[in-house]
Amino acid sequence: MEKWWQDFRGFRRFITPKLMPFVFWAGVVIAVVMGIITIIEGALFSSARLIFLGIVTLFLGPIFVRVLCELVMTFFRERE
């Protein structure tokens, strides 16, 4: 336990790589929920543009989150 604390304090062990799966799944859930909300709003206001934007968000949102998480992971893997 003491070695872990020394590694943690000395920045020899990073927390971010362990947190990234949680950040990724939270981002995916948020992107999907926002896409669904946008589709519903588009249907309520009869806006084809909002419906299209919701569909795009539904499919491209999780991909965008994945790319951002991979960029962060690449940065931290480079530092290890």
PDB file of N, CA and C in Angstrom:
ATOM      1  N   MET A   1       0.830  -1.199   0.000  1.00  0.00           N
ATOM      2  CA  MET A   1       0.000   0.000   0.000  1.00  0.00           C
ATOM      3  C   MET A   1       0.868   1.253   0.000  1.00  0.00           C
ATOM      4  N   GLU A   2       1.950   1.212   0.750  1.00  0.00           N
ATOM      5  CA  GLU A   2       2.804   2.389   0.847  1.00  0.00           C
ATOM      6  C   GLU A   2       3.508   2.672  -0.482  1.00  0.00           C
ATOM      7  N   LYS A   3       3.926   1.618  -1.191  1.00  0.00           N
ATOM      8  CA  LYS A   3       4.568   1.804  -2.491  1.00  0.00           C
ATOM      9  C   LYS A   3       3.593   2.446  -3.474  1.00  0.00           C
ATOM     10  N   TRP A   4       2.329   1.989  -3.449  1.00  0.00           N
ATOM     11  CA  TRP A   4       1.326   2.568  -4.330  1.00  0.00           C
ATOM     12  C   TRP A   4       1.180   4.062  -4.055  1.00  0.00           C
ATOM     13  N   TRP A   5       1.168   4.439  -2.777  1.00  0.00           N
ATOM     14  CA  TRP A   5       1.015   5.847  -2.413  1.00  0.00           C
ATOM     15  C   TRP A   5       2.225   6.655  -2.871  1.00  0.00           C
ATOM     16  N   GLN A   6       3.412   6.095  -2.751  1.00  0.00           N
ATOM     17  CA  GLN A   6       4.614   6.795  -3.218  1.00  0.00           C
ATOM     18  C   GLN A   6       4.587   6.964  -4.732  1.00  0.00           C
ATOM     19  N   ASP A   7       4.156   5.932  -5.455  1.00  0.00           N
ATOM     20  CA  ASP A   7       4.024   6.047  -6.913  1.00  0.00           C
ATOM     21  C   ASP A   7       2.985   7.094  -7.285  1.00  0.00           C
ATOM     22  N   PHE A   8       1.904   7.131  -6.533  1.00  0.00           N
ATOM     23  CA  PHE A   8       0.839   8.092  -6.795  1.00  0.00           C
ATOM     24  C   PHE A   8       1.320   9.523  -6.557  1.00  0.00           C
ATOM     25  N   ARG A   9       1.970   9.745  -5.428  1.00  0.00           N
ATOM     26  CA  ARG A   9       2.468  11.085  -5.100  1.00  0.00           C
ATOM     27  C   ARG A   9       3.572  11.530  -6.035  1.00  0.00           C
ATOM     28  N   GLY A  10       4.401  10.599  -6.482  1.00  0.00           N
ATOM     29  CA  GLY A  10       5.531  10.936  -7.343  1.00  0.00           C
ATOM     30  C   GLY A  10       5.190  10.982  -8.822  1.00  0.00           C
ATOM     31  N   PHE A  11       3.898  10.852  -9.164  1.00  0.00           N
ATOM     32  CA  PHE A  11       3.430  10.857 -10.552  1.00  0.00           C
ATOM     33  C   PHE A  11       4.099   9.768 -11.390  1.00  0.00           C
ATOM     34  N   ARG A  12       4.425   8.649 -10.762  1.00  0.00           N
ATOM     35  CA  ARG A  12       4.955   7.510 -11.510  1.00  0.00           C
ATOM     36  C   ARG A  12       3.823   6.601 -11.976  1.00  0.00           C
ATOM     37  N   ARG A  13       2.668   6.746 -11.382  1.00  0.00           N
ATOM     38  CA  ARG A  13       1.493   5.966 -11.773  1.00  0.00           C
ATOM     39  C   ARG A  13       0.359   6.957 -12.056  1.00  0.00           C
ATOM     40  N   PHE A  14      -0.250   6.835 -13.225  1.00  0.00           N
ATOM     41  CA  PHE A  14      -1.299   7.769 -13.632  1.00  0.00           C
ATOM     42  C   PHE A  14      -2.683   7.196 -13.358  1.00  0.00           C
ATOM     43  N   ILE A  15      -3.594   8.077 -13.016  1.00  0.00           N
ATOM     44  CA  ILE A  15      -4.972   7.693 -12.735  1.00  0.00           C
ATOM     45  C   ILE A  15      -5.811   7.713 -14.009  1.00  0.00           C
ATOM     46  N   THR A  16      -5.513   8.619 -14.908  1.00  0.00           N
ATOM     47  CA  THR A  16      -6.343   8.823 -16.092  1.00  0.00           C
ATOM     48  C   THR A  16      -6.546   7.564 -16.927  1.00  0.00           C
ATOM     49  N   PRO A  17      -5.522   6.747 -17.184  1.00  0.00           N
ATOM     50  CA  PRO A  17      -5.791   5.529 -17.971  1.00  0.00           C
ATOM     51  C   PRO A  17      -6.817   4.597 -17.329  1.00  0.00           C
ATOM     52  N   LYS A  18      -6.899   4.603 -16.019  1.00  0.00           N
ATOM     53  CA  LYS A  18      -7.884   3.762 -15.343  1.00  0.00           C
ATOM     54  C   LYS A  18      -9.282   4.388 -15.376  1.00  0.00           C
ATOM     55  N   LEU A  19      -9.345   5.707 -15.469  1.00  0.00           N
ATOM     56  CA  LEU A  19     -10.634   6.396 -15.493  1.00  0.00           C
ATOM     57  C   LEU A  19     -11.239   6.490 -16.889  1.00  0.00           C
ATOM     58  N   MET A  20     -10.438   6.328 -17.928  1.00  0.00           N
ATOM     59  CA  MET A  20     -10.924   6.542 -19.286  1.00  0.00           C
ATOM     60  C   MET A  20     -12.085   5.635 -19.690  1.00  0.00           C
ATOM     61  N   PRO A  21     -12.132   4.366 -19.295  1.00  0.00           N
ATOM     62  CA  PRO A  21     -13.327   3.582 -19.663  1.00  0.00           C
ATOM     63  C   PRO A  21     -14.620   4.167 -19.092  1.00  0.00           C
ATOM     64  N   PHE A  22     -14.575   4.695 -17.878  1.00  0.00           N
ATOM     65  CA  PHE A  22     -15.759   5.316 -17.292  1.00  0.00           C
ATOM     66  C   PHE A  22     -16.119   6.608 -18.022  1.00  0.00           C
ATOM     67  N   VAL A  23     -15.102   7.397 -18.362  1.00  0.00           N
ATOM     68  CA  VAL A  23     -15.332   8.638 -19.108  1.00  0.00           C
ATOM     69  C   VAL A  23     -15.917   8.311 -20.479  1.00  0.00           C
ATOM     70  N   PHE A  24     -15.385   7.271 -21.122  1.00  0.00           N
ATOM     71  CA  PHE A  24     -15.880   6.869 -22.440  1.00  0.00           C
ATOM     72  C   PHE A  24     -17.354   6.482 -22.378  1.00  0.00           C
ATOM     73  N   TRP A  25     -17.710   5.606 -21.441  1.00  0.00           N
ATOM     74  CA  TRP A  25     -19.100   5.153 -21.379  1.00  0.00           C
ATOM     75  C   TRP A  25     -20.047   6.275 -20.968  1.00  0.00           C
ATOM     76  N   ALA A  26     -19.590   7.169 -20.096  1.00  0.00           N
ATOM     77  CA  ALA A  26     -20.426   8.326 -19.738  1.00  0.00           C
ATOM     78  C   ALA A  26     -20.644   9.215 -20.959  1.00  0.00           C
ATOM     79  N   GLY A  27     -19.590   9.433 -21.743  1.00  0.00           N
ATOM     80  CA  GLY A  27     -19.714  10.231 -22.963  1.00  0.00           C
ATOM     81  C   GLY A  27     -20.635   9.590 -23.978  1.00  0.00           C
ATOM     82  N   VAL A  28     -20.557   8.267 -24.122  1.00  0.00           N
ATOM     83  CA  VAL A  28     -21.439   7.558 -25.058  1.00  0.00           C
ATOM     84  C   VAL A  28     -22.894   7.689 -24.618  1.00  0.00           C
ATOM     85  N   VAL A  29     -23.140   7.507 -23.332  1.00  0.00           N
ATOM     86  CA  VAL A  29     -24.515   7.629 -22.824  1.00  0.00           C
ATOM     87  C   VAL A  29     -25.043   9.039 -23.053  1.00  0.00           C
ATOM     88  N   ILE A  30     -24.230  10.039 -22.771  1.00  0.00           N
ATOM     89  CA  ILE A  30     -24.652  11.429 -22.970  1.00  0.00           C
ATOM     90  C   ILE A  30     -24.924  11.702 -24.442  1.00  0.00           C
ATOM     91  N   ALA A  31     -24.057  11.227 -25.341  1.00  0.00           N
ATOM     92  CA  ALA A  31     -24.247  11.449 -26.776  1.00  0.00           C
ATOM     93  C   ALA A  31     -25.532  10.783 -27.268  1.00  0.00           C
ATOM     94  N   VAL A  32     -25.783   9.563 -26.828  1.00  0.00           N
ATOM     95  CA  VAL A  32     -26.989   8.849 -27.266  1.00  0.00           C
ATOM     96  C   VAL A  32     -28.244   9.524 -26.719  1.00  0.00           C
ATOM     97  N   VAL A  33     -28.217   9.906 -25.454  1.00  0.00           N
ATOM     98  CA  VAL A  33     -29.379  10.581 -24.861  1.00  0.00           C
ATOM     99  C   VAL A  33     -29.634  11.913 -25.561  1.00  0.00           C
ATOM    100  N   MET A  34     -28.582  12.667 -25.842  1.00  0.00           N
ATOM    101  CA  MET A  34     -28.758  13.942 -26.541  1.00  0.00           C
ATOM    102  C   MET A  34     -29.299  13.728 -27.954  1.00  0.00           C
ATOM    103  N   GLY A  35     -28.842  12.677 -28.625  1.00  0.00           N
ATOM    104  CA  GLY A  35     -29.374  12.363 -29.949  1.00  0.00           C
ATOM    105  C   GLY A  35     -30.856  12.037 -29.896  1.00  0.00           C
ATOM    106  N   ILE A  36     -31.252  11.231 -28.922  1.00  0.00           N
ATOM    107  CA  ILE A  36     -32.665  10.864 -28.778  1.00  0.00           C
ATOM    108  C   ILE A  36     -33.513  12.084 -28.440  1.00  0.00           C
ATOM    109  N   ILE A  37     -33.018  12.931 -27.541  1.00  0.00           N
ATOM    110  CA  ILE A  37     -33.751  14.151 -27.179  1.00  0.00           C
ATOM    111  C   ILE A  37     -33.908  15.057 -28.393  1.00  0.00           C
ATOM    112  N   THR A  38     -32.858  15.174 -29.198  1.00  0.00           N
ATOM    113  CA  THR A  38     -32.930  16.023 -30.389  1.00  0.00           C
ATOM    114  C   THR A  38     -33.935  15.463 -31.394  1.00  0.00           C
ATOM    115  N   ILE A  39     -33.969  14.147 -31.558  1.00  0.00           N
ATOM    116  CA  ILE A  39     -34.948  13.529 -32.461  1.00  0.00           C
ATOM    117  C   ILE A  39     -36.372  13.783 -31.964  1.00  0.00           C
ATOM    118  N   ILE A  40     -36.589  13.640 -30.663  1.00  0.00           N
ATOM    119  CA  ILE A  40     -37.923  13.879 -30.098  1.00  0.00           C
ATOM    120  C   ILE A  40     -38.328  15.337 -30.273  1.00  0.00           C
ATOM    121  N   GLU A  41     -37.404  16.255 -29.998  1.00  0.00           N
ATOM    122  CA  GLU A  41     -37.701  17.681 -30.184  1.00  0.00           C
ATOM    123  C   GLU A  41     -38.015  17.984 -31.644  1.00  0.00           C
ATOM    124  N   GLY A  42     -37.265  17.369 -32.544  1.00  0.00           N
ATOM    125  CA  GLY A  42     -37.536  17.568 -33.970  1.00  0.00           C
ATOM    126  C   GLY A  42     -38.902  17.050 -34.363  1.00  0.00           C
ATOM    127  N   ALA A  43     -39.302  15.928 -33.787  1.00  0.00           N
ATOM    128  CA  ALA A  43     -40.629  15.382 -34.086  1.00  0.00           C
ATOM    129  C   ALA A  43     -41.728  16.269 -33.505  1.00  0.00           C
ATOM    130  N   LEU A  44     -41.504  16.806 -32.316  1.00  0.00           N
ATOM    131  CA  LEU A  44     -42.513  17.672 -31.692  1.00  0.00           C
ATOM    132  C   LEU A  44     -42.710  18.970 -32.467  1.00  0.00           C
ATOM    133  N   PHE A  45     -41.619  19.512 -32.998  1.00  0.00           N
ATOM    134  CA  PHE A  45     -41.694  20.780 -33.718  1.00  0.00           C
ATOM    135  C   PHE A  45     -41.739  20.595 -35.232  1.00  0.00           C
ATOM    136  N   SER A  46     -41.892  19.366 -35.688  1.00  0.00           N
ATOM    137  CA  SER A  46     -41.947  19.037 -37.120  1.00  0.00           C
ATOM    138  C   SER A  46     -40.761  19.621 -37.875  1.00  0.00           C
ATOM    139  N   SER A  47     -39.582  19.429 -37.314  1.00  0.00           N
ATOM    140  CA  SER A  47     -38.365  19.965 -37.917  1.00  0.00           C
ATOM    141  C   SER A  47     -37.501  18.812 -38.433  1.00  0.00           C
ATOM    142  N   ALA A  48     -37.431  18.703 -39.748  1.00  0.00           N
ATOM    143  CA  ALA A  48     -36.608  17.653 -40.360  1.00  0.00           C
ATOM    144  C   ALA A  48     -35.135  17.880 -40.046  1.00  0.00           C
ATOM    145  N   ARG A  49     -34.756  19.134 -39.918  1.00  0.00           N
ATOM    146  CA  ARG A  49     -33.361  19.463 -39.618  1.00  0.00           C
ATOM    147  C   ARG A  49     -32.960  18.932 -38.237  1.00  0.00           C
ATOM    148  N   LEU A  50     -33.826  19.110 -37.247  1.00  0.00           N
ATOM    149  CA  LEU A  50     -33.533  18.599 -35.905  1.00  0.00           C
ATOM    150  C   LEU A  50     -33.524  17.073 -35.877  1.00  0.00           C
ATOM    151  N   ILE A  51     -34.431  16.466 -36.604  1.00  0.00           N
ATOM    152  CA  ILE A  51     -34.451  15.000 -36.655  1.00  0.00           C
ATOM    153  C   ILE A  51     -33.160  14.485 -37.278  1.00  0.00           C
ATOM    154  N   PHE A  52     -32.737  15.105 -38.372  1.00  0.00           N
ATOM    155  CA  PHE A  52     -31.484  14.704 -39.024  1.00  0.00           C
ATOM    156  C   PHE A  52     -30.297  14.916 -38.089  1.00  0.00           C
ATOM    157  N   LEU A  53     -30.266  16.056 -37.415  1.00  0.00           N
ATOM    158  CA  LEU A  53     -29.180  16.343 -36.476  1.00  0.00           C
ATOM    159  C   LEU A  53     -29.168  15.333 -35.329  1.00  0.00           C
ATOM    160  N   GLY A  54     -30.331  14.940 -34.860  1.00  0.00           N
ATOM    161  CA  GLY A  54     -30.416  13.932 -33.805  1.00  0.00           C
ATOM    162  C   GLY A  54     -29.887  12.585 -34.259  1.00  0.00           C
ATOM    163  N   ILE A  55     -30.209  12.198 -35.492  1.00  0.00           N
ATOM    164  CA  ILE A  55     -29.712  10.925 -36.024  1.00  0.00           C
ATOM    165  C   ILE A  55     -28.201  10.968 -36.182  1.00  0.00           C
ATOM    166  N   VAL A  56     -27.690  12.085 -36.679  1.00  0.00           N
ATOM    167  CA  VAL A  56     -26.236  12.238 -36.822  1.00  0.00           C
ATOM    168  C   VAL A  56     -25.565  12.174 -35.453  1.00  0.00           C
ATOM    169  N   THR A  57     -26.136  12.856 -34.468  1.00  0.00           N
ATOM    170  CA  THR A  57     -25.581  12.831 -33.109  1.00  0.00           C
ATOM    171  C   THR A  57     -25.629  11.427 -32.525  1.00  0.00           C
ATOM    172  N   LEU A  58     -26.699  10.722 -32.802  1.00  0.00           N
ATOM    173  CA  LEU A  58     -26.864   9.363 -32.292  1.00  0.00           C
ATOM    174  C   LEU A  58     -25.769   8.433 -32.798  1.00  0.00           C
ATOM    175  N   PHE A  59     -25.357   8.598 -34.048  1.00  0.00           N
ATOM    176  CA  PHE A  59     -24.355   7.702 -34.619  1.00  0.00           C
ATOM    177  C   PHE A  59     -22.928   8.238 -34.529  1.00  0.00           C
ATOM    178  N   LEU A  60     -22.746   9.530 -34.748  1.00  0.00           N
ATOM    179  CA  LEU A  60     -21.389  10.081 -34.744  1.00  0.00           C
ATOM    180  C   LEU A  60     -20.918  10.516 -33.360  1.00  0.00           C
ATOM    181  N   GLY A  61     -21.830  10.760 -32.439  1.00  0.00           N
ATOM    182  CA  GLY A  61     -21.456  11.168 -31.084  1.00  0.00           C
ATOM    183  C   GLY A  61     -20.561  10.162 -30.382  1.00  0.00           C
ATOM    184  N   PRO A  62     -20.958   8.884 -30.331  1.00  0.00           N
ATOM    185  CA  PRO A  62     -20.088   7.888 -29.690  1.00  0.00           C
ATOM    186  C   PRO A  62     -18.733   7.729 -30.390  1.00  0.00           C
ATOM    187  N   ILE A  63     -18.712   7.871 -31.709  1.00  0.00           N
ATOM    188  CA  ILE A  63     -17.431   7.779 -32.432  1.00  0.00           C
ATOM    189  C   ILE A  63     -16.533   8.946 -32.045  1.00  0.00           C
ATOM    190  N   PHE A  64     -17.106  10.137 -31.956  1.00  0.00           N
ATOM    191  CA  PHE A  64     -16.344  11.320 -31.564  1.00  0.00           C
ATOM    192  C   PHE A  64     -15.796  11.162 -30.146  1.00  0.00           C
ATOM    193  N   VAL A  65     -16.615  10.646 -29.237  1.00  0.00           N
ATOM    194  CA  VAL A  65     -16.166  10.411 -27.855  1.00  0.00           C
ATOM    195  C   VAL A  65     -15.017   9.417 -27.848  1.00  0.00           C
ATOM    196  N   ARG A  66     -15.126   8.359 -28.645  1.00  0.00           N
ATOM    197  CA  ARG A  66     -14.068   7.341 -28.711  1.00  0.00           C
ATOM    198  C   ARG A  66     -12.760   7.951 -29.198  1.00  0.00           C
ATOM    199  N   VAL A  67     -12.827   8.777 -30.242  1.00  0.00           N
ATOM    200  CA  VAL A  67     -11.615   9.407 -30.777  1.00  0.00           C
ATOM    201  C   VAL A  67     -10.970  10.305 -29.726  1.00  0.00           C
ATOM    202  N   LEU A  68     -11.773  11.077 -29.022  1.00  0.00           N
ATOM    203  CA  LEU A  68     -11.216  11.943 -27.979  1.00  0.00           C
ATOM    204  C   LEU A  68     -10.559  11.133 -26.869  1.00  0.00           C
ATOM    205  N   CYS A  69     -11.200  10.057 -26.449  1.00  0.00           N
ATOM    206  CA  CYS A  69     -10.617   9.205 -25.405  1.00  0.00           C
ATOM    207  C   CYS A  69      -9.323   8.557 -25.884  1.00  0.00           C
ATOM    208  N   GLU A  70      -9.283   8.145 -27.147  1.00  0.00           N
ATOM    209  CA  GLU A  70      -8.059   7.551 -27.680  1.00  0.00           C
ATOM    210  C   GLU A  70      -6.925   8.568 -27.743  1.00  0.00           C
ATOM    211  N   LEU A  71      -7.255   9.819 -28.062  1.00  0.00           N
ATOM    212  CA  LEU A  71      -6.221  10.859 -28.069  1.00  0.00           C
ATOM    213  C   LEU A  71      -5.647  11.071 -26.672  1.00  0.00           C
ATOM    214  N   VAL A  72      -6.510  11.106 -25.680  1.00  0.00           N
ATOM    215  CA  VAL A  72      -6.041  11.263 -24.300  1.00  0.00           C
ATOM    216  C   VAL A  72      -5.192  10.071 -23.892  1.00  0.00           C
ATOM    217  N   MET A  73      -5.646   8.865 -24.230  1.00  0.00           N
ATOM    218  CA  MET A  73      -4.885   7.659 -23.882  1.00  0.00           C
ATOM    219  C   MET A  73      -3.529   7.632 -24.586  1.00  0.00           C
ATOM    220  N   THR A  74      -3.487   8.080 -25.829  1.00  0.00           N
ATOM    221  CA  THR A  74      -2.217   8.129 -26.557  1.00  0.00           C
ATOM    222  C   THR A  74      -1.243   9.061 -25.856  1.00  0.00           C
ATOM    223  N   PHE A  75      -1.738  10.192 -25.396  1.00  0.00           N
ATOM    224  CA  PHE A  75      -0.885  11.134 -24.685  1.00  0.00           C
ATOM    225  C   PHE A  75      -0.322  10.506 -23.414  1.00  0.00           C
ATOM    226  N   PHE A  76      -1.165   9.825 -22.649  1.00  0.00           N
ATOM    227  CA  PHE A  76      -0.698   9.240 -21.396  1.00  0.00           C
ATOM    228  C   PHE A  76       0.175   8.015 -21.619  1.00  0.00           C
ATOM    229  N   ARG A  77      -0.071   7.245 -22.670  1.00  0.00           N
ATOM    230  CA  ARG A  77       0.791   6.091 -22.966  1.00  0.00           C
ATOM    231  C   ARG A  77       2.180   6.568 -23.378  1.00  0.00           C
ATOM    232  N   GLU A  78       2.224   7.703 -24.033  1.00  0.00           N
ATOM    233  CA  GLU A  78       3.501   8.278 -24.447  1.00  0.00           C
ATOM    234  C   GLU A  78       4.322   8.699 -23.232  1.00  0.00           C
ATOM    235  N   ARG A  79       3.651   9.125 -22.186  1.00  0.00           N
ATOM    236  CA  ARG A  79       4.331   9.606 -20.983  1.00  0.00           C
ATOM    237  C   ARG A  79       4.804   8.470 -20.077  1.00  0.00           C
ATOM    238  N   GLU A  80       4.232   7.256 -20.234  1.00  0.00           N
ATOM    239  CA  GLU A  80       4.597   6.148 -19.342  1.00  0.00           C
ATOM    240  C   GLU A  80       5.889   5.513 -19.722  1.00  0.00           C
TER     241      GLU A  80
END
